[in-house]
mmCIF file of all heavy atoms, coordinates in Angstrom:
data_MODEL
# 
_entry.id   MODEL 
# 
loop_
_atom_site.group_PDB 
_atom_site.id 
_atom_site.type_symbol 
_atom_site.label_atom_id 
_atom_site.label_alt_id 
_atom_site.label_comp_id 
_atom_site.label_asym_id 
_atom_site.label_entity_id 
_atom_site.label_seq_id 
_atom_site.pdbx_PDB_ins_code 
_atom_site.Cartn_x 
_atom_site.Cartn_y 
_atom_site.Cartn_z 
_atom_site.occupancy 
_atom_site.B_iso_or_equiv 
_atom_site.pdbx_formal_charge 
_atom_site.auth_seq_id 
_atom_site.auth_comp_id 
_atom_site.auth_asym_id 
_atom_site.auth_atom_id 
_atom_site.pdbx_PDB_model_num 
ATOM 1   N N   . GLU A 1 1  ? -55.410 -77.481  4.734  1.00 0.00 ? 1  GLU A N   1 
ATOM 2   C CA  . GLU A 1 1  ? -53.963 -77.724  4.806  1.00 0.00 ? 1  GLU A CA  1 
ATOM 3   C C   . GLU A 1 1  ? -53.693 -79.225  4.732  1.00 0.00 ? 1  GLU A C   1 
ATOM 4   O O   . GLU A 1 1  ? -52.905 -79.684  3.901  1.00 0.00 ? 1  GLU A O   1 
ATOM 5   C CB  . GLU A 1 1  ? -53.405 -77.131  6.098  1.00 0.00 ? 1  GLU A CB  1 
ATOM 6   C CG  . GLU A 1 1  ? -51.883 -77.055  6.151  1.00 0.00 ? 1  GLU A CG  1 
ATOM 7   C CD  . GLU A 1 1  ? -51.229 -78.398  6.453  1.00 0.00 ? 1  GLU A CD  1 
ATOM 8   O OE1 . GLU A 1 1  ? -51.767 -79.146  7.296  1.00 0.00 ? 1  GLU A OE1 1 
ATOM 9   O OE2 . GLU A 1 1  ? -50.175 -78.709  5.834  1.00 0.00 ? 1  GLU A OE2 1 
ATOM 10  N N   . SER A 1 2  ? -54.334 -79.998  5.590  1.00 0.00 ? 2  SER A N   1 
ATOM 11  C CA  . SER A 1 2  ? -54.319 -81.453  5.525  1.00 0.00 ? 2  SER A CA  1 
ATOM 12  C C   . SER A 1 2  ? -55.560 -81.954  6.244  1.00 0.00 ? 2  SER A C   1 
ATOM 13  O O   . SER A 1 2  ? -56.077 -81.301  7.144  1.00 0.00 ? 2  SER A O   1 
ATOM 14  C CB  . SER A 1 2  ? -53.044 -82.040  6.139  1.00 0.00 ? 2  SER A CB  1 
ATOM 15  O OG  . SER A 1 2  ? -52.860 -81.618  7.469  1.00 0.00 ? 2  SER A OG  1 
ATOM 16  N N   . TYR A 1 3  ? -56.042 -83.106  5.837  1.00 0.00 ? 3  TYR A N   1 
ATOM 17  C CA  . TYR A 1 3  ? -57.312 -83.608  6.343  1.00 0.00 ? 3  TYR A CA  1 
ATOM 18  C C   . TYR A 1 3  ? -57.176 -85.082  6.707  1.00 0.00 ? 3  TYR A C   1 
ATOM 19  O O   . TYR A 1 3  ? -56.311 -85.799  6.195  1.00 0.00 ? 3  TYR A O   1 
ATOM 20  C CB  . TYR A 1 3  ? -58.431 -83.410  5.315  1.00 0.00 ? 3  TYR A CB  1 
ATOM 21  C CG  . TYR A 1 3  ? -58.106 -83.939  3.935  1.00 0.00 ? 3  TYR A CG  1 
ATOM 22  C CD1 . TYR A 1 3  ? -58.382 -85.263  3.592  1.00 0.00 ? 3  TYR A CD1 1 
ATOM 23  C CD2 . TYR A 1 3  ? -57.518 -83.113  2.974  1.00 0.00 ? 3  TYR A CD2 1 
ATOM 24  C CE1 . TYR A 1 3  ? -58.073 -85.751  2.338  1.00 0.00 ? 3  TYR A CE1 1 
ATOM 25  C CE2 . TYR A 1 3  ? -57.201 -83.588  1.715  1.00 0.00 ? 3  TYR A CE2 1 
ATOM 26  C CZ  . TYR A 1 3  ? -57.485 -84.907  1.399  1.00 0.00 ? 3  TYR A CZ  1 
ATOM 27  O OH  . TYR A 1 3  ? -57.161 -85.398  0.155  1.00 0.00 ? 3  TYR A OH  1 
ATOM 28  N N   . TRP A 1 4  ? -58.041 -85.516  7.610  1.00 0.00 ? 4  TRP A N   1 
ATOM 29  C CA  . TRP A 1 4  ? -58.053 -86.900  8.062  1.00 0.00 ? 4  TRP A CA  1 
ATOM 30  C C   . TRP A 1 4  ? -58.927 -87.707  7.103  1.00 0.00 ? 4  TRP A C   1 
ATOM 31  O O   . TRP A 1 4  ? -60.120 -87.484  6.995  1.00 0.00 ? 4  TRP A O   1 
ATOM 32  C CB  . TRP A 1 4  ? -58.591 -86.988  9.480  1.00 0.00 ? 4  TRP A CB  1 
ATOM 33  C CG  . TRP A 1 4  ? -58.406 -88.325  10.140 1.00 0.00 ? 4  TRP A CG  1 
ATOM 34  C CD1 . TRP A 1 4  ? -59.371 -89.240  10.464 1.00 0.00 ? 4  TRP A CD1 1 
ATOM 35  C CD2 . TRP A 1 4  ? -57.177 -88.897  10.605 1.00 0.00 ? 4  TRP A CD2 1 
ATOM 36  N NE1 . TRP A 1 4  ? -58.834 -90.334  11.083 1.00 0.00 ? 4  TRP A NE1 1 
ATOM 37  C CE2 . TRP A 1 4  ? -57.477 -90.149  11.188 1.00 0.00 ? 4  TRP A CE2 1 
ATOM 38  C CE3 . TRP A 1 4  ? -55.851 -88.470  10.582 1.00 0.00 ? 4  TRP A CE3 1 
ATOM 39  C CZ2 . TRP A 1 4  ? -56.502 -90.978  11.745 1.00 0.00 ? 4  TRP A CZ2 1 
ATOM 40  C CZ3 . TRP A 1 4  ? -54.880 -89.287  11.137 1.00 0.00 ? 4  TRP A CZ3 1 
ATOM 41  C CH2 . TRP A 1 4  ? -55.200 -90.528  11.711 1.00 0.00 ? 4  TRP A CH2 1 
ATOM 42  N N   . GLU A 1 5  ? -58.287 -88.637  6.384  1.00 0.00 ? 5  GLU A N   1 
ATOM 43  C CA  . GLU A 1 5  ? -58.957 -89.409  5.347  1.00 0.00 ? 5  GLU A CA  1 
ATOM 44  C C   . GLU A 1 5  ? -59.089 -90.861  5.796  1.00 0.00 ? 5  GLU A C   1 
ATOM 45  O O   . GLU A 1 5  ? -58.092 -91.509  6.135  1.00 0.00 ? 5  GLU A O   1 
ATOM 46  C CB  . GLU A 1 5  ? -58.157 -89.326  4.042  1.00 0.00 ? 5  GLU A CB  1 
ATOM 47  C CG  . GLU A 1 5  ? -58.769 -90.056  2.886  1.00 0.00 ? 5  GLU A CG  1 
ATOM 48  C CD  . GLU A 1 5  ? -57.945 -89.889  1.617  1.00 0.00 ? 5  GLU A CD  1 
ATOM 49  O OE1 . GLU A 1 5  ? -56.993 -90.672  1.420  1.00 0.00 ? 5  GLU A OE1 1 
ATOM 50  O OE2 . GLU A 1 5  ? -58.238 -88.966  0.830  1.00 0.00 ? 5  GLU A OE2 1 
ATOM 51  N N   . ILE A 1 6  ? -60.321 -91.370  5.806  1.00 0.00 ? 6  ILE A N   1 
ATOM 52  C CA  . ILE A 1 6  ? -60.617 -92.705  6.316  1.00 0.00 ? 6  ILE A CA  1 
ATOM 53  C C   . ILE A 1 6  ? -61.094 -93.590  5.167  1.00 0.00 ? 6  ILE A C   1 
ATOM 54  O O   . ILE A 1 6  ? -61.981 -93.189  4.402  1.00 0.00 ? 6  ILE A O   1 
ATOM 55  C CB  . ILE A 1 6  ? -61.736 -92.630  7.385  1.00 0.00 ? 6  ILE A CB  1 
ATOM 56  C CG1 . ILE A 1 6  ? -61.394 -91.580  8.449  1.00 0.00 ? 6  ILE A CG1 1 
ATOM 57  C CG2 . ILE A 1 6  ? -61.961 -93.996  8.022  1.00 0.00 ? 6  ILE A CG2 1 
ATOM 58  C CD1 . ILE A 1 6  ? -62.597 -91.141  9.270  1.00 0.00 ? 6  ILE A CD1 1 
ATOM 59  N N   . PRO A 1 7  ? -60.537 -94.770  5.005  1.00 0.00 ? 7  PRO A N   1 
ATOM 60  C CA  . PRO A 1 7  ? -61.059 -95.671  3.963  1.00 0.00 ? 7  PRO A CA  1 
ATOM 61  C C   . PRO A 1 7  ? -62.546 -95.924  4.165  1.00 0.00 ? 7  PRO A C   1 
ATOM 62  O O   . PRO A 1 7  ? -63.001 -96.202  5.282  1.00 0.00 ? 7  PRO A O   1 
ATOM 63  C CB  . PRO A 1 7  ? -60.239 -96.951  4.160  1.00 0.00 ? 7  PRO A CB  1 
ATOM 64  C CG  . PRO A 1 7  ? -58.978 -96.488  4.827  1.00 0.00 ? 7  PRO A CG  1 
ATOM 65  C CD  . PRO A 1 7  ? -59.378 -95.344  5.711  1.00 0.00 ? 7  PRO A CD  1 
ATOM 66  N N   . TYR A 1 8  ? -63.309 -95.791  3.083  1.00 0.00 ? 8  TYR A N   1 
ATOM 67  C CA  . TYR A 1 8  ? -64.760 -95.973  3.178  1.00 0.00 ? 8  TYR A CA  1 
ATOM 68  C C   . TYR A 1 8  ? -65.100 -97.362  3.717  1.00 0.00 ? 8  TYR A C   1 
ATOM 69  O O   . TYR A 1 8  ? -64.549 -98.367  3.284  1.00 0.00 ? 8  TYR A O   1 
ATOM 70  C CB  . TYR A 1 8  ? -65.395 -95.785  1.801  1.00 0.00 ? 8  TYR A CB  1 
ATOM 71  C CG  . TYR A 1 8  ? -66.873 -96.051  1.768  1.00 0.00 ? 8  TYR A CG  1 
ATOM 72  C CD1 . TYR A 1 8  ? -67.754 -95.238  2.471  1.00 0.00 ? 8  TYR A CD1 1 
ATOM 73  C CD2 . TYR A 1 8  ? -67.383 -97.115  1.034  1.00 0.00 ? 8  TYR A CD2 1 
ATOM 74  C CE1 . TYR A 1 8  ? -69.117 -95.477  2.446  1.00 0.00 ? 8  TYR A CE1 1 
ATOM 75  C CE2 . TYR A 1 8  ? -68.751 -97.367  1.003  1.00 0.00 ? 8  TYR A CE2 1 
ATOM 76  C CZ  . TYR A 1 8  ? -69.610 -96.550  1.706  1.00 0.00 ? 8  TYR A CZ  1 
ATOM 77  O OH  . TYR A 1 8  ? -70.963 -96.799  1.686  1.00 0.00 ? 8  TYR A OH  1 
ATOM 78  N N   . GLY A 1 9  ? -65.996 -97.407  4.677  1.00 0.00 ? 9  GLY A N   1 
ATOM 79  C CA  . GLY A 1 9  ? -66.408 -98.668  5.263  1.00 0.00 ? 9  GLY A CA  1 
ATOM 80  C C   . GLY A 1 9  ? -65.611 -99.086  6.477  1.00 0.00 ? 9  GLY A C   1 
ATOM 81  O O   . GLY A 1 9  ? -65.914 -100.120 7.086  1.00 0.00 ? 9  GLY A O   1 
ATOM 82  N N   . SER A 1 10 ? -64.611 -98.298  6.874  1.00 0.00 ? 10 SER A N   1 
ATOM 83  C CA  . SER A 1 10 ? -63.841 -98.623  8.074  1.00 0.00 ? 10 SER A CA  1 
ATOM 84  C C   . SER A 1 10 ? -64.745 -98.610  9.298  1.00 0.00 ? 10 SER A C   1 
ATOM 85  O O   . SER A 1 10 ? -65.706 -97.833  9.361  1.00 0.00 ? 10 SER A O   1 
ATOM 86  C CB  . SER A 1 10 ? -62.709 -97.616  8.273  1.00 0.00 ? 10 SER A CB  1 
ATOM 87  O OG  . SER A 1 10 ? -61.775 -97.663  7.206  1.00 0.00 ? 10 SER A OG  1 
ATOM 88  N N   . PRO A 1 11 ? -64.457 -99.432  10.289 1.00 0.00 ? 11 PRO A N   1 
ATOM 89  C CA  . PRO A 1 11 ? -65.322 -99.478  11.479 1.00 0.00 ? 11 PRO A CA  1 
ATOM 90  C C   . PRO A 1 11 ? -65.303 -98.200  12.296 1.00 0.00 ? 11 PRO A C   1 
ATOM 91  O O   . PRO A 1 11 ? -66.264 -97.897  13.007 1.00 0.00 ? 11 PRO A O   1 
ATOM 92  C CB  . PRO A 1 11 ? -64.788 -100.665 12.271 1.00 0.00 ? 11 PRO A CB  1 
ATOM 93  C CG  . PRO A 1 11 ? -63.411 -100.899 11.753 1.00 0.00 ? 11 PRO A CG  1 
ATOM 94  C CD  . PRO A 1 11 ? -63.414 -100.481 10.317 1.00 0.00 ? 11 PRO A CD  1 
ATOM 95  N N   . ASP A 1 12 ? -64.215 -97.441  12.238 1.00 0.00 ? 12 ASP A N   1 
ATOM 96  C CA  . ASP A 1 12 ? -64.148 -96.179  12.957 1.00 0.00 ? 12 ASP A CA  1 
ATOM 97  C C   . ASP A 1 12 ? -63.042 -95.318  12.357 1.00 0.00 ? 12 ASP A C   1 
ATOM 98  O O   . ASP A 1 12 ? -62.320 -95.751  11.445 1.00 0.00 ? 12 ASP A O   1 
ATOM 99  C CB  . ASP A 1 12 ? -63.922 -96.391  14.461 1.00 0.00 ? 12 ASP A CB  1 
ATOM 100 C CG  . ASP A 1 12 ? -62.647 -97.169  14.758 1.00 0.00 ? 12 ASP A CG  1 
ATOM 101 O OD1 . ASP A 1 12 ? -61.558 -96.650  14.451 1.00 0.00 ? 12 ASP A OD1 1 
ATOM 102 O OD2 . ASP A 1 12 ? -62.755 -98.300  15.278 1.00 0.00 ? 12 ASP A OD2 1 
ATOM 103 N N   . ALA A 1 13 ? -62.900 -94.105  12.893 1.00 0.00 ? 13 ALA A N   1 
ATOM 104 C CA  . ALA A 1 13 ? -61.978 -93.125  12.303 1.00 0.00 ? 13 ALA A CA  1 
ATOM 105 C C   . ALA A 1 13 ? -60.511 -93.415  12.578 1.00 0.00 ? 13 ALA A C   1 
ATOM 106 O O   . ALA A 1 13 ? -59.631 -92.813  11.952 1.00 0.00 ? 13 ALA A O   1 
ATOM 107 C CB  . ALA A 1 13 ? -62.328 -91.726  12.815 1.00 0.00 ? 13 ALA A CB  1 
ATOM 108 N N   . SER A 1 14 ? -60.214 -94.333  13.493 1.00 0.00 ? 14 SER A N   1 
ATOM 109 C CA  . SER A 1 14 ? -58.814 -94.610  13.814 1.00 0.00 ? 14 SER A CA  1 
ATOM 110 C C   . SER A 1 14 ? -58.068 -95.245  12.650 1.00 0.00 ? 14 SER A C   1 
ATOM 111 O O   . SER A 1 14 ? -56.828 -95.305  12.659 1.00 0.00 ? 14 SER A O   1 
ATOM 112 C CB  . SER A 1 14 ? -58.729 -95.530  15.044 1.00 0.00 ? 14 SER A CB  1 
ATOM 113 O OG  . SER A 1 14 ? -59.263 -96.814  14.755 1.00 0.00 ? 14 SER A OG  1 
ATOM 114 N N   . PHE A 1 15 ? -58.771 -95.703  11.625 1.00 0.00 ? 15 PHE A N   1 
ATOM 115 C CA  . PHE A 1 15 ? -58.139 -96.325  10.467 1.00 0.00 ? 15 PHE A CA  1 
ATOM 116 C C   . PHE A 1 15 ? -57.679 -95.290  9.437  1.00 0.00 ? 15 PHE A C   1 
ATOM 117 O O   . PHE A 1 15 ? -57.157 -95.652  8.387  1.00 0.00 ? 15 PHE A O   1 
ATOM 118 C CB  . PHE A 1 15 ? -59.113 -97.302  9.801  1.00 0.00 ? 15 PHE A CB  1 
ATOM 119 C CG  . PHE A 1 15 ? -59.363 -98.548  10.607 1.00 0.00 ? 15 PHE A CG  1 
ATOM 120 C CD1 . PHE A 1 15 ? -60.272 -98.539  11.652 1.00 0.00 ? 15 PHE A CD1 1 
ATOM 121 C CD2 . PHE A 1 15 ? -58.673 -99.726  10.341 1.00 0.00 ? 15 PHE A CD2 1 
ATOM 122 C CE1 . PHE A 1 15 ? -60.520 -99.674  12.412 1.00 0.00 ? 15 PHE A CE1 1 
ATOM 123 C CE2 . PHE A 1 15 ? -58.901 -100.863 11.097 1.00 0.00 ? 15 PHE A CE2 1 
ATOM 124 C CZ  . PHE A 1 15 ? -59.824 -100.846 12.139 1.00 0.00 ? 15 PHE A CZ  1 
ATOM 125 N N   . GLY A 1 16 ? -57.882 -94.005  9.741  1.00 0.00 ? 16 GLY A N   1 
ATOM 126 C CA  . GLY A 1 16 ? -57.550 -92.965  8.785  1.00 0.00 ? 16 GLY A CA  1 
ATOM 127 C C   . GLY A 1 16 ? -56.095 -92.537  8.818  1.00 0.00 ? 16 GLY A C   1 
ATOM 128 O O   . GLY A 1 16 ? -55.282 -93.051  9.582  1.00 0.00 ? 16 GLY A O   1 
ATOM 129 N N   . LYS A 1 17 ? -55.790 -91.544  7.995  1.00 0.00 ? 17 LYS A N   1 
ATOM 130 C CA  . LYS A 1 17 ? -54.444 -90.972  7.920  1.00 0.00 ? 17 LYS A CA  1 
ATOM 131 C C   . LYS A 1 17 ? -54.555 -89.517  7.464  1.00 0.00 ? 17 LYS A C   1 
ATOM 132 O O   . LYS A 1 17 ? -55.565 -89.090  6.894  1.00 0.00 ? 17 LYS A O   1 
ATOM 133 C CB  . LYS A 1 17 ? -53.578 -91.758  6.944  1.00 0.00 ? 17 LYS A CB  1 
ATOM 134 C CG  . LYS A 1 17 ? -54.072 -91.695  5.497  1.00 0.00 ? 17 LYS A CG  1 
ATOM 135 C CD  . LYS A 1 17 ? -53.159 -92.475  4.556  1.00 0.00 ? 17 LYS A CD  1 
ATOM 136 C CE  . LYS A 1 17 ? -53.683 -92.383  3.114  1.00 0.00 ? 17 LYS A CE  1 
ATOM 137 N NZ  . LYS A 1 17 ? -52.800 -93.123  2.172  1.00 0.00 ? 17 LYS A NZ  1 
ATOM 138 N N   . TRP A 1 18 ? -53.500 -88.761  7.731  1.00 0.00 ? 18 TRP A N   1 
ATOM 139 C CA  . TRP A 1 18 ? -53.446 -87.369  7.277  1.00 0.00 ? 18 TRP A CA  1 
ATOM 140 C C   . TRP A 1 18 ? -53.042 -87.334  5.801  1.00 0.00 ? 18 TRP A C   1 
ATOM 141 O O   . TRP A 1 18 ? -52.125 -88.026  5.382  1.00 0.00 ? 18 TRP A O   1 
ATOM 142 C CB  . TRP A 1 18 ? -52.443 -86.571  8.093  1.00 0.00 ? 18 TRP A CB  1 
ATOM 143 C CG  . TRP A 1 18 ? -52.917 -86.265  9.490  1.00 0.00 ? 18 TRP A CG  1 
ATOM 144 C CD1 . TRP A 1 18 ? -52.465 -86.817  10.651 1.00 0.00 ? 18 TRP A CD1 1 
ATOM 145 C CD2 . TRP A 1 18 ? -53.946 -85.338  9.861  1.00 0.00 ? 18 TRP A CD2 1 
ATOM 146 N NE1 . TRP A 1 18 ? -53.140 -86.304  11.727 1.00 0.00 ? 18 TRP A NE1 1 
ATOM 147 C CE2 . TRP A 1 18 ? -54.056 -85.387  11.278 1.00 0.00 ? 18 TRP A CE2 1 
ATOM 148 C CE3 . TRP A 1 18 ? -54.779 -84.488  9.157  1.00 0.00 ? 18 TRP A CE3 1 
ATOM 149 C CZ2 . TRP A 1 18 ? -54.971 -84.603  11.981 1.00 0.00 ? 18 TRP A CZ2 1 
ATOM 150 C CZ3 . TRP A 1 18 ? -55.698 -83.702  9.857  1.00 0.00 ? 18 TRP A CZ3 1 
ATOM 151 C CH2 . TRP A 1 18 ? -55.777 -83.761  11.245 1.00 0.00 ? 18 TRP A CH2 1 
ATOM 152 N N   . VAL A 1 19 ? -53.741 -86.492  5.026  1.00 0.00 ? 19 VAL A N   1 
ATOM 153 C CA  . VAL A 1 19 ? -53.458 -86.321  3.605  1.00 0.00 ? 19 VAL A CA  1 
ATOM 154 C C   . VAL A 1 19 ? -53.371 -84.830  3.314  1.00 0.00 ? 19 VAL A C   1 
ATOM 155 O O   . VAL A 1 19 ? -54.152 -84.033  3.843  1.00 0.00 ? 19 VAL A O   1 
ATOM 156 C CB  . VAL A 1 19 ? -54.555 -86.963  2.733  1.00 0.00 ? 19 VAL A CB  1 
ATOM 157 C CG1 . VAL A 1 19 ? -54.288 -86.716  1.249  1.00 0.00 ? 19 VAL A CG1 1 
ATOM 158 C CG2 . VAL A 1 19 ? -54.651 -88.458  3.002  1.00 0.00 ? 19 VAL A CG2 1 
ATOM 159 N N   . GLN A 1 20 ? -52.426 -84.458  2.478  1.00 0.00 ? 20 GLN A N   1 
ATOM 160 C CA  . GLN A 1 20 ? -52.197 -83.052  2.167  1.00 0.00 ? 20 GLN A CA  1 
ATOM 161 C C   . GLN A 1 20 ? -53.384 -82.449  1.415  1.00 0.00 ? 20 GLN A C   1 
ATOM 162 O O   . GLN A 1 20 ? -53.917 -83.043  0.480  1.00 0.00 ? 20 GLN A O   1 
ATOM 163 C CB  . GLN A 1 20 ? -50.942 -82.898  1.318  1.00 0.00 ? 20 GLN A CB  1 
ATOM 164 C CG  . GLN A 1 20 ? -50.392 -81.479  1.271  1.00 0.00 ? 20 GLN A CG  1 
ATOM 165 C CD  . GLN A 1 20 ? -49.817 -81.036  2.612  1.00 0.00 ? 20 GLN A CD  1 
ATOM 166 O OE1 . GLN A 1 20 ? -49.254 -81.836  3.343  1.00 0.00 ? 20 GLN A OE1 1 
ATOM 167 N NE2 . GLN A 1 20 ? -49.973 -79.758  2.928  1.00 0.00 ? 20 GLN A NE2 1 
ATOM 168 N N   . GLY A 1 21 ? -53.819 -81.260  1.848  1.00 0.00 ? 21 GLY A N   1 
ATOM 169 C CA  . GLY A 1 21 ? -54.886 -80.532  1.176  1.00 0.00 ? 21 GLY A CA  1 
ATOM 170 C C   . GLY A 1 21 ? -54.334 -79.544  0.168  1.00 0.00 ? 21 GLY A C   1 
ATOM 171 O O   . GLY A 1 21 ? -53.123 -79.531  -0.113 1.00 0.00 ? 21 GLY A O   1 
ATOM 172 N N   . PRO A 1 22 ? -55.171 -78.674  -0.389 1.00 0.00 ? 22 PRO A N   1 
ATOM 173 C CA  . PRO A 1 22 ? -54.713 -77.747  -1.433 1.00 0.00 ? 22 PRO A CA  1 
ATOM 174 C C   . PRO A 1 22 ? -53.821 -76.631  -0.925 1.00 0.00 ? 22 PRO A C   1 
ATOM 175 O O   . PRO A 1 22 ? -53.086 -76.010  -1.703 1.00 0.00 ? 22 PRO A O   1 
ATOM 176 C CB  . PRO A 1 22 ? -56.019 -77.193  -1.999 1.00 0.00 ? 22 PRO A CB  1 
ATOM 177 C CG  . PRO A 1 22 ? -56.984 -77.279  -0.861 1.00 0.00 ? 22 PRO A CG  1 
ATOM 178 C CD  . PRO A 1 22 ? -56.617 -78.546  -0.125 1.00 0.00 ? 22 PRO A CD  1 
ATOM 179 N N   . GLY A 1 23 ? -53.888 -76.330  0.377  1.00 0.00 ? 23 GLY A N   1 
ATOM 180 C CA  . GLY A 1 23 ? -52.987 -75.354  0.967  1.00 0.00 ? 23 GLY A CA  1 
ATOM 181 C C   . GLY A 1 23 ? -53.280 -73.917  0.574  1.00 0.00 ? 23 GLY A C   1 
ATOM 182 O O   . GLY A 1 23 ? -54.356 -73.574  0.067  1.00 0.00 ? 23 GLY A O   1 
ATOM 183 N N   . ILE A 1 24 ? -52.297 -73.062  0.799  1.00 0.00 ? 24 ILE A N   1 
ATOM 184 C CA  . ILE A 1 24 ? -52.488 -71.630  0.605  1.00 0.00 ? 24 ILE A CA  1 
ATOM 185 C C   . ILE A 1 24 ? -52.771 -71.283  -0.849 1.00 0.00 ? 24 ILE A C   1 
ATOM 186 O O   . ILE A 1 24 ? -53.433 -70.269  -1.137 1.00 0.00 ? 24 ILE A O   1 
ATOM 187 C CB  . ILE A 1 24 ? -51.242 -70.849  1.118  1.00 0.00 ? 24 ILE A CB  1 
ATOM 188 C CG1 . ILE A 1 24 ? -51.509 -69.339  1.139  1.00 0.00 ? 24 ILE A CG1 1 
ATOM 189 C CG2 . ILE A 1 24 ? -50.028 -71.195  0.298  1.00 0.00 ? 24 ILE A CG2 1 
ATOM 190 C CD1 . ILE A 1 24 ? -52.680 -68.913  2.011  1.00 0.00 ? 24 ILE A CD1 1 
ATOM 191 N N   . ALA A 1 25 ? -52.345 -72.120  -1.788 1.00 0.00 ? 25 ALA A N   1 
ATOM 192 C CA  . ALA A 1 25 ? -52.607 -71.844  -3.207 1.00 0.00 ? 25 ALA A CA  1 
ATOM 193 C C   . ALA A 1 25 ? -54.106 -71.750  -3.475 1.00 0.00 ? 25 ALA A C   1 
ATOM 194 O O   . ALA A 1 25 ? -54.547 -70.981  -4.340 1.00 0.00 ? 25 ALA A O   1 
ATOM 195 C CB  . ALA A 1 25 ? -51.981 -72.931  -4.072 1.00 0.00 ? 25 ALA A CB  1 
ATOM 196 N N   . PHE A 1 26 ? -54.891 -72.512  -2.736 1.00 0.00 ? 26 PHE A N   1 
ATOM 197 C CA  . PHE A 1 26 ? -56.343 -72.470  -2.892 1.00 0.00 ? 26 PHE A CA  1 
ATOM 198 C C   . PHE A 1 26 ? -56.883 -71.092  -2.516 1.00 0.00 ? 26 PHE A C   1 
ATOM 199 O O   . PHE A 1 26 ? -57.699 -70.505  -3.240 1.00 0.00 ? 26 PHE A O   1 
ATOM 200 C CB  . PHE A 1 26 ? -56.968 -73.559  -2.015 1.00 0.00 ? 26 PHE A CB  1 
ATOM 201 C CG  . PHE A 1 26 ? -58.461 -73.520  -1.914 1.00 0.00 ? 26 PHE A CG  1 
ATOM 202 C CD1 . PHE A 1 26 ? -59.253 -73.818  -3.011 1.00 0.00 ? 26 PHE A CD1 1 
ATOM 203 C CD2 . PHE A 1 26 ? -59.077 -73.186  -0.713 1.00 0.00 ? 26 PHE A CD2 1 
ATOM 204 C CE1 . PHE A 1 26 ? -60.644 -73.784  -2.917 1.00 0.00 ? 26 PHE A CE1 1 
ATOM 205 C CE2 . PHE A 1 26 ? -60.464 -73.161  -0.608 1.00 0.00 ? 26 PHE A CE2 1 
ATOM 206 C CZ  . PHE A 1 26 ? -61.245 -73.455  -1.715 1.00 0.00 ? 26 PHE A CZ  1 
ATOM 207 N N   . PHE A 1 27 ? -56.431 -70.543  -1.410 1.00 0.00 ? 27 PHE A N   1 
ATOM 208 C CA  . PHE A 1 27 ? -56.933 -69.244  -0.961 1.00 0.00 ? 27 PHE A CA  1 
ATOM 209 C C   . PHE A 1 27 ? -56.365 -68.110  -1.813 1.00 0.00 ? 27 PHE A C   1 
ATOM 210 O O   . PHE A 1 27 ? -57.023 -67.074  -1.985 1.00 0.00 ? 27 PHE A O   1 
ATOM 211 C CB  . PHE A 1 27 ? -56.602 -69.064  0.518  1.00 0.00 ? 27 PHE A CB  1 
ATOM 212 C CG  . PHE A 1 27 ? -57.267 -70.092  1.383  1.00 0.00 ? 27 PHE A CG  1 
ATOM 213 C CD1 . PHE A 1 27 ? -56.544 -71.137  1.932  1.00 0.00 ? 27 PHE A CD1 1 
ATOM 214 C CD2 . PHE A 1 27 ? -58.636 -70.058  1.606  1.00 0.00 ? 27 PHE A CD2 1 
ATOM 215 C CE1 . PHE A 1 27 ? -57.155 -72.105  2.708  1.00 0.00 ? 27 PHE A CE1 1 
ATOM 216 C CE2 . PHE A 1 27 ? -59.266 -71.018  2.372  1.00 0.00 ? 27 PHE A CE2 1 
ATOM 217 C CZ  . PHE A 1 27 ? -58.520 -72.049  2.923  1.00 0.00 ? 27 PHE A CZ  1 
ATOM 218 N N   . GLU A 1 28 ? -55.181 -68.303  -2.347 1.00 0.00 ? 28 GLU A N   1 
ATOM 219 C CA  . GLU A 1 28 ? -54.645 -67.323  -3.295 1.00 0.00 ? 28 GLU A CA  1 
ATOM 220 C C   . GLU A 1 28 ? -55.492 -67.286  -4.564 1.00 0.00 ? 28 GLU A C   1 
ATOM 221 O O   . GLU A 1 28 ? -55.732 -66.211  -5.130 1.00 0.00 ? 28 GLU A O   1 
ATOM 222 C CB  . GLU A 1 28 ? -53.191 -67.657  -3.618 1.00 0.00 ? 28 GLU A CB  1 
ATOM 223 C CG  . GLU A 1 28 ? -52.245 -67.436  -2.444 1.00 0.00 ? 28 GLU A CG  1 
ATOM 224 C CD  . GLU A 1 28 ? -50.839 -67.927  -2.701 1.00 0.00 ? 28 GLU A CD  1 
ATOM 225 O OE1 . GLU A 1 28 ? -50.642 -68.706  -3.667 1.00 0.00 ? 28 GLU A OE1 1 
ATOM 226 O OE2 . GLU A 1 28 ? -49.926 -67.556  -1.939 1.00 0.00 ? 28 GLU A OE2 1 
# 
């Protein structure tokens, strides 16, 4: 549905953000 995406090389996961995933269309 949405996933936590972190810029590669960031010191930790707090630098990430939520990004929309493929959603129900994928399972359909």
